[in-house]
Amino acid sequence: MCLAVPVKIMELDNQNAVVDVGGVHRTCNVAFIPEPQIGDYVLLHAGFAIQKWTEEDVLEYDQIMKELDLS
């Protein structure tokens, strides 16, 4: 099973971005994200950013994962 995870955009180069995935930097495609910006939070699935998230969304996700002991 594949899960989408929230990540933060650290660098942008056209339709590619470097994102922070729990302290590890990965390259992904941001073609599906309207006007991606450095500092944006996005959901990453299979190498593609699929949706923008707010910082509040990420904090809520982190809290749920902590409560489920899945972080």
PDB file of N, CA and C in Angstrom:
ATOM      1  N   MET A   1       0.843  -1.168   0.000  1.00  0.00           N
ATOM      2  CA  MET A   1       0.000   0.000   0.000  1.00  0.00           C
ATOM      3  C   MET A   1       0.891   1.234   0.000  1.00  0.00           C
ATOM      4  N   CYS A   2       0.542   2.195  -0.815  1.00  0.00           N
ATOM      5  CA  CYS A   2       1.274   3.462  -0.883  1.00  0.00           C
ATOM      6  C   CYS A   2       0.459   4.545  -0.192  1.00  0.00           C
ATOM      7  N   LEU A   3       1.138   5.357   0.555  1.00  0.00           N
ATOM      8  CA  LEU A   3       0.501   6.467   1.244  1.00  0.00           C
ATOM      9  C   LEU A   3       1.075   7.776   0.741  1.00  0.00           C
ATOM     10  N   ALA A   4       0.249   8.790   0.715  1.00  0.00           N
ATOM     11  CA  ALA A   4       0.726  10.133   0.433  1.00  0.00           C
ATOM     12  C   ALA A   4       1.183  10.738   1.755  1.00  0.00           C
ATOM     13  N   VAL A   5       2.298  11.453   1.723  1.00  0.00           N
ATOM     14  CA  VAL A   5       2.831  12.065   2.941  1.00  0.00           C
ATOM     15  C   VAL A   5       3.041  13.559   2.713  1.00  0.00           C
ATOM     16  N   PRO A   6       2.820  14.364   3.753  1.00  0.00           N
ATOM     17  CA  PRO A   6       3.063  15.802   3.603  1.00  0.00           C
ATOM     18  C   PRO A   6       4.560  16.098   3.622  1.00  0.00           C
ATOM     19  N   VAL A   7       4.971  16.976   2.724  1.00  0.00           N
ATOM     20  CA  VAL A   7       6.375  17.379   2.617  1.00  0.00           C
ATOM     21  C   VAL A   7       6.430  18.879   2.374  1.00  0.00           C
ATOM     22  N   LYS A   8       7.601  19.448   2.573  1.00  0.00           N
ATOM     23  CA  LYS A   8       7.795  20.888   2.366  1.00  0.00           C
ATOM     24  C   LYS A   8       8.725  21.096   1.176  1.00  0.00           C
ATOM     25  N   ILE A   9       8.329  22.002   0.277  1.00  0.00           N
ATOM     26  CA  ILE A   9       9.156  22.320  -0.885  1.00  0.00           C
ATOM     27  C   ILE A   9      10.351  23.157  -0.434  1.00  0.00           C
ATOM     28  N   MET A  10      11.551  22.673  -0.755  1.00  0.00           N
ATOM     29  CA  MET A  10      12.780  23.359  -0.364  1.00  0.00           C
ATOM     30  C   MET A  10      13.422  24.105  -1.542  1.00  0.00           C
ATOM     31  N   GLU A  11      13.314  23.520  -2.748  1.00  0.00           N
ATOM     32  CA  GLU A  11      13.889  24.116  -3.954  1.00  0.00           C
ATOM     33  C   GLU A  11      12.949  23.852  -5.115  1.00  0.00           C
ATOM     34  N   LEU A  12      12.958  24.741  -6.109  1.00  0.00           N
ATOM     35  CA  LEU A  12      12.133  24.575  -7.308  1.00  0.00           C
ATOM     36  C   LEU A  12      12.976  24.751  -8.554  1.00  0.00           C
ATOM     37  N   ASP A  13      12.689  23.918  -9.565  1.00  0.00           N
ATOM     38  CA  ASP A  13      13.328  24.036 -10.876  1.00  0.00           C
ATOM     39  C   ASP A  13      12.296  23.613 -11.914  1.00  0.00           C
ATOM     40  N   ASN A  14      11.568  24.586 -12.432  1.00  0.00           N
ATOM     41  CA  ASN A  14      10.467  24.337 -13.363  1.00  0.00           C
ATOM     42  C   ASN A  14       9.425  23.433 -12.723  1.00  0.00           C
ATOM     43  N   GLN A  15       9.231  22.218 -13.271  1.00  0.00           N
ATOM     44  CA  GLN A  15       8.213  21.309 -12.741  1.00  0.00           C
ATOM     45  C   GLN A  15       8.784  20.304 -11.745  1.00  0.00           C
ATOM     46  N   ASN A  16      10.020  20.484 -11.353  1.00  0.00           N
ATOM     47  CA  ASN A  16      10.637  19.608 -10.365  1.00  0.00           C
ATOM     48  C   ASN A  16      10.937  20.384  -9.096  1.00  0.00           C
ATOM     49  N   ALA A  17      10.887  19.675  -7.977  1.00  0.00           N
ATOM     50  CA  ALA A  17      11.172  20.312  -6.693  1.00  0.00           C
ATOM     51  C   ALA A  17      11.979  19.359  -5.831  1.00  0.00           C
ATOM     52  N   VAL A  18      12.762  19.939  -4.943  1.00  0.00           N
ATOM     53  CA  VAL A  18      13.401  19.176  -3.880  1.00  0.00           C
ATOM     54  C   VAL A  18      12.530  19.401  -2.656  1.00  0.00           C
ATOM     55  N   VAL A  19      12.108  18.299  -2.031  1.00  0.00           N
ATOM     56  CA  VAL A  19      11.233  18.380  -0.869  1.00  0.00           C
ATOM     57  C   VAL A  19      11.890  17.709   0.322  1.00  0.00           C
ATOM     58  N   ASP A  20      11.480  18.134   1.507  1.00  0.00           N
ATOM     59  CA  ASP A  20      11.971  17.566   2.759  1.00  0.00           C
ATOM     60  C   ASP A  20      10.961  16.520   3.228  1.00  0.00           C
ATOM     61  N   VAL A  21      11.419  15.278   3.274  1.00  0.00           N
ATOM     62  CA  VAL A  21      10.593  14.149   3.722  1.00  0.00           C
ATOM     63  C   VAL A  21      11.200  13.653   5.030  1.00  0.00           C
ATOM     64  N   GLY A  22      10.770  14.221   6.133  1.00  0.00           N
ATOM     65  CA  GLY A  22      11.285  13.800   7.436  1.00  0.00           C
ATOM     66  C   GLY A  22      12.789  13.966   7.581  1.00  0.00           C
ATOM     67  N   GLY A  23      13.324  15.035   7.019  1.00  0.00           N
ATOM     68  CA  GLY A  23      14.753  15.310   7.112  1.00  0.00           C
ATOM     69  C   GLY A  23      15.564  14.794   5.932  1.00  0.00           C
ATOM     70  N   VAL A  24      14.941  14.026   5.055  1.00  0.00           N
ATOM     71  CA  VAL A  24      15.597  13.502   3.849  1.00  0.00           C
ATOM     72  C   VAL A  24      15.090  14.305   2.658  1.00  0.00           C
ATOM     73  N   HIS A  25      16.003  14.734   1.807  1.00  0.00           N
ATOM     74  CA  HIS A  25      15.609  15.505   0.634  1.00  0.00           C
ATOM     75  C   HIS A  25      15.413  14.582  -0.555  1.00  0.00           C
ATOM     76  N   ARG A  26      14.287  14.742  -1.222  1.00  0.00           N
ATOM     77  CA  ARG A  26      13.925  13.944  -2.396  1.00  0.00           C
ATOM     78  C   ARG A  26      13.490  14.892  -3.505  1.00  0.00           C
ATOM     79  N   THR A  27      13.608  14.417  -4.736  1.00  0.00           N
ATOM     80  CA  THR A  27      13.135  15.165  -5.887  1.00  0.00           C
ATOM     81  C   THR A  27      11.743  14.656  -6.251  1.00  0.00           C
ATOM     82  N   CYS A  28      10.860  15.589  -6.592  1.00  0.00           N
ATOM     83  CA  CYS A  28       9.522  15.187  -7.024  1.00  0.00           C
ATOM     84  C   CYS A  28       9.050  16.117  -8.132  1.00  0.00           C
ATOM     85  N   ASN A  29       7.965  15.714  -8.764  1.00  0.00           N
ATOM     86  CA  ASN A  29       7.347  16.497  -9.818  1.00  0.00           C
ATOM     87  C   ASN A  29       6.203  17.311  -9.221  1.00  0.00           C
ATOM     88  N   VAL A  30       6.149  18.603  -9.533  1.00  0.00           N
ATOM     89  CA  VAL A  30       5.100  19.477  -8.996  1.00  0.00           C
ATOM     90  C   VAL A  30       4.175  20.000 -10.094  1.00  0.00           C
ATOM     91  N   ALA A  31       4.108  19.298 -11.217  1.00  0.00           N
ATOM     92  CA  ALA A  31       3.301  19.750 -12.358  1.00  0.00           C
ATOM     93  C   ALA A  31       1.817  19.840 -12.031  1.00  0.00           C
ATOM     94  N   PHE A  32       1.336  19.055 -11.065  1.00  0.00           N
ATOM     95  CA  PHE A  32      -0.086  19.068 -10.721  1.00  0.00           C
ATOM     96  C   PHE A  32      -0.450  20.156  -9.713  1.00  0.00           C
ATOM     97  N   ILE A  33       0.533  20.885  -9.208  1.00  0.00           N
ATOM     98  CA  ILE A  33       0.312  21.901  -8.173  1.00  0.00           C
ATOM     99  C   ILE A  33       0.259  23.285  -8.826  1.00  0.00           C
ATOM    100  N   PRO A  34      -0.848  24.017  -8.623  1.00  0.00           N
ATOM    101  CA  PRO A  34      -0.900  25.368  -9.173  1.00  0.00           C
ATOM    102  C   PRO A  34       0.035  26.312  -8.412  1.00  0.00           C
ATOM    103  N   GLU A  35       0.897  26.957  -9.133  1.00  0.00           N
ATOM    104  CA  GLU A  35       1.822  27.958  -8.586  1.00  0.00           C
ATOM    105  C   GLU A  35       2.576  27.473  -7.340  1.00  0.00           C
ATOM    106  N   PRO A  36       3.338  26.379  -7.457  1.00  0.00           N
ATOM    107  CA  PRO A  36       4.119  25.921  -6.301  1.00  0.00           C
ATOM    108  C   PRO A  36       5.177  26.957  -5.926  1.00  0.00           C
ATOM    109  N   GLN A  37       5.417  27.091  -4.636  1.00  0.00           N
ATOM    110  CA  GLN A  37       6.397  28.045  -4.119  1.00  0.00           C
ATOM    111  C   GLN A  37       7.285  27.345  -3.090  1.00  0.00           C
ATOM    112  N   ILE A  38       8.510  27.814  -2.961  1.00  0.00           N
ATOM    113  CA  ILE A  38       9.385  27.330  -1.899  1.00  0.00           C
ATOM    114  C   ILE A  38       8.697  27.622  -0.569  1.00  0.00           C
ATOM    115  N   GLY A  39       8.661  26.630   0.303  1.00  0.00           N
ATOM    116  CA  GLY A  39       8.014  26.777   1.600  1.00  0.00           C
ATOM    117  C   GLY A  39       6.609  26.193   1.642  1.00  0.00           C
ATOM    118  N   ASP A  40       6.019  25.921   0.465  1.00  0.00           N
ATOM    119  CA  ASP A  40       4.697  25.296   0.428  1.00  0.00           C
ATOM    120  C   ASP A  40       4.768  23.870   0.966  1.00  0.00           C
ATOM    121  N   TYR A  41       3.687  23.457   1.611  1.00  0.00           N
ATOM    122  CA  TYR A  41       3.525  22.060   1.995  1.00  0.00           C
ATOM    123  C   TYR A  41       2.643  21.391   0.948  1.00  0.00           C
ATOM    124  N   VAL A  42       3.034  20.197   0.527  1.00  0.00           N
ATOM    125  CA  VAL A  42       2.268  19.434  -0.449  1.00  0.00           C
ATOM    126  C   VAL A  42       2.208  17.977  -0.025  1.00  0.00           C
ATOM    127  N   LEU A  43       1.208  17.278  -0.541  1.00  0.00           N
ATOM    128  CA  LEU A  43       1.149  15.832  -0.348  1.00  0.00           C
ATOM    129  C   LEU A  43       1.954  15.179  -1.450  1.00  0.00           C
ATOM    130  N   LEU A  44       2.837  14.273  -1.082  1.00  0.00           N
ATOM    131  CA  LEU A  44       3.700  13.579  -2.030  1.00  0.00           C
ATOM    132  C   LEU A  44       3.238  12.141  -2.162  1.00  0.00           C
ATOM    133  N   HIS A  45       2.991  11.720  -3.404  1.00  0.00           N
ATOM    134  CA  HIS A  45       2.585  10.343  -3.663  1.00  0.00           C
ATOM    135  C   HIS A  45       3.292   9.857  -4.925  1.00  0.00           C
ATOM    136  N   ALA A  46       4.051   8.779  -4.788  1.00  0.00           N
ATOM    137  CA  ALA A  46       4.726   8.143  -5.924  1.00  0.00           C
ATOM    138  C   ALA A  46       5.564   9.129  -6.739  1.00  0.00           C
ATOM    139  N   GLY A  47       6.219  10.070  -6.062  1.00  0.00           N
ATOM    140  CA  GLY A  47       7.091  11.014  -6.743  1.00  0.00           C
ATOM    141  C   GLY A  47       6.408  12.252  -7.289  1.00  0.00           C
ATOM    142  N   PHE A  48       5.107  12.384  -7.030  1.00  0.00           N
ATOM    143  CA  PHE A  48       4.351  13.534  -7.512  1.00  0.00           C
ATOM    144  C   PHE A  48       3.703  14.274  -6.352  1.00  0.00           C
ATOM    145  N   ALA A  49       3.796  15.596  -6.383  1.00  0.00           N
ATOM    146  CA  ALA A  49       3.043  16.419  -5.441  1.00  0.00           C
ATOM    147  C   ALA A  49       1.620  16.467  -5.983  1.00  0.00           C
ATOM    148  N   ILE A  50       0.645  16.076  -5.144  1.00  0.00           N
ATOM    149  CA  ILE A  50      -0.718  15.944  -5.652  1.00  0.00           C
ATOM    150  C   ILE A  50      -1.699  16.955  -5.075  1.00  0.00           C
ATOM    151  N   GLN A  51      -1.310  17.652  -4.005  1.00  0.00           N
ATOM    152  CA  GLN A  51      -2.227  18.622  -3.392  1.00  0.00           C
ATOM    153  C   GLN A  51      -1.451  19.528  -2.446  1.00  0.00           C
ATOM    154  N   LYS A  52      -1.822  20.818  -2.415  1.00  0.00           N
ATOM    155  CA  LYS A  52      -1.238  21.725  -1.425  1.00  0.00           C
ATOM    156  C   LYS A  52      -1.893  21.499  -0.073  1.00  0.00           C
ATOM    157  N   TRP A  53      -1.118  21.652   0.985  1.00  0.00           N
ATOM    158  CA  TRP A  53      -1.611  21.597   2.365  1.00  0.00           C
ATOM    159  C   TRP A  53      -1.172  22.856   3.079  1.00  0.00           C
ATOM    160  N   THR A  54      -1.933  23.233   4.095  1.00  0.00           N
ATOM    161  CA  THR A  54      -1.533  24.351   4.945  1.00  0.00           C
ATOM    162  C   THR A  54      -0.651  23.815   6.068  1.00  0.00           C
ATOM    163  N   GLU A  55       0.012  24.719   6.758  1.00  0.00           N
ATOM    164  CA  GLU A  55       0.812  24.307   7.909  1.00  0.00           C
ATOM    165  C   GLU A  55      -0.081  23.677   8.972  1.00  0.00           C
ATOM    166  N   GLU A  56      -1.306  24.185   9.109  1.00  0.00           N
ATOM    167  CA  GLU A  56      -2.253  23.617  10.077  1.00  0.00           C
ATOM    168  C   GLU A  56      -2.605  22.171   9.712  1.00  0.00           C
ATOM    169  N   ASP A  57      -2.769  21.896   8.415  1.00  0.00           N
ATOM    170  CA  ASP A  57      -3.034  20.524   7.961  1.00  0.00           C
ATOM    171  C   ASP A  57      -1.902  19.592   8.381  1.00  0.00           C
ATOM    172  N   VAL A  58      -0.672  20.059   8.191  1.00  0.00           N
ATOM    173  CA  VAL A  58       0.499  19.246   8.522  1.00  0.00           C
ATOM    174  C   VAL A  58       0.573  19.006  10.031  1.00  0.00           C
ATOM    175  N   LEU A  59       0.314  20.039  10.821  1.00  0.00           N
ATOM    176  CA  LEU A  59       0.336  19.875  12.276  1.00  0.00           C
ATOM    177  C   LEU A  59      -0.730  18.886  12.739  1.00  0.00           C
ATOM    178  N   GLU A  60      -1.911  18.957  12.134  1.00  0.00           N
ATOM    179  CA  GLU A  60      -2.985  18.013  12.482  1.00  0.00           C
ATOM    180  C   GLU A  60      -2.588  16.581  12.095  1.00  0.00           C
ATOM    181  N   TYR A  61      -2.007  16.427  10.915  1.00  0.00           N
ATOM    182  CA  TYR A  61      -1.529  15.115  10.464  1.00  0.00           C
ATOM    183  C   TYR A  61      -0.493  14.561  11.438  1.00  0.00           C
ATOM    184  N   ASP A  62       0.475  15.400  11.818  1.00  0.00           N
ATOM    185  CA  ASP A  62       1.525  14.967  12.749  1.00  0.00           C
ATOM    186  C   ASP A  62       0.937  14.541  14.089  1.00  0.00           C
ATOM    187  N   GLN A  63      -0.067  15.282  14.565  1.00  0.00           N
ATOM    188  CA  GLN A  63      -0.699  14.939  15.834  1.00  0.00           C
ATOM    189  C   GLN A  63      -1.425  13.600  15.739  1.00  0.00           C
ATOM    190  N   ILE A  64      -2.146  13.393  14.661  1.00  0.00           N
ATOM    191  CA  ILE A  64      -2.849  12.116  14.472  1.00  0.00           C
ATOM    192  C   ILE A  64      -1.859  10.964  14.397  1.00  0.00           C
ATOM    193  N   MET A  65      -0.786  11.136  13.653  1.00  0.00           N
ATOM    194  CA  MET A  65       0.214  10.078  13.534  1.00  0.00           C
ATOM    195  C   MET A  65       0.853   9.778  14.893  1.00  0.00           C
ATOM    196  N   LYS A  66       1.097  10.830  15.676  1.00  0.00           N
ATOM    197  CA  LYS A  66       1.660  10.647  17.012  1.00  0.00           C
ATOM    198  C   LYS A  66       0.703   9.860  17.902  1.00  0.00           C
ATOM    199  N   GLU A  67      -0.585  10.224  17.842  1.00  0.00           N
ATOM    200  CA  GLU A  67      -1.585   9.533  18.662  1.00  0.00           C
ATOM    201  C   GLU A  67      -1.734   8.065  18.247  1.00  0.00           C
ATOM    202  N   LEU A  68      -1.569   7.792  16.976  1.00  0.00           N
ATOM    203  CA  LEU A  68      -1.639   6.420  16.478  1.00  0.00           C
ATOM    204  C   LEU A  68      -0.319   5.681  16.614  1.00  0.00           C
ATOM    205  N   ASP A  69       0.725   6.421  17.042  1.00  0.00           N
ATOM    206  CA  ASP A  69       2.076   5.885  17.180  1.00  0.00           C
ATOM    207  C   ASP A  69       2.583   5.344  15.844  1.00  0.00           C
ATOM    208  N   LEU A  70       2.313   6.109  14.759  1.00  0.00           N
ATOM    209  CA  LEU A  70       2.729   5.715  13.414  1.00  0.00           C
ATOM    210  C   LEU A  70       3.772   6.649  12.837  1.00  0.00           C
ATOM    211  N   SER A  71       4.238   7.611  13.615  1.00  0.00           N
ATOM    212  CA  SER A  71       5.185   8.583  13.062  1.00  0.00           C
ATOM    213  C   SER A  71       6.586   8.008  13.014  1.00  0.00           C
TER     214      SER A  71
END
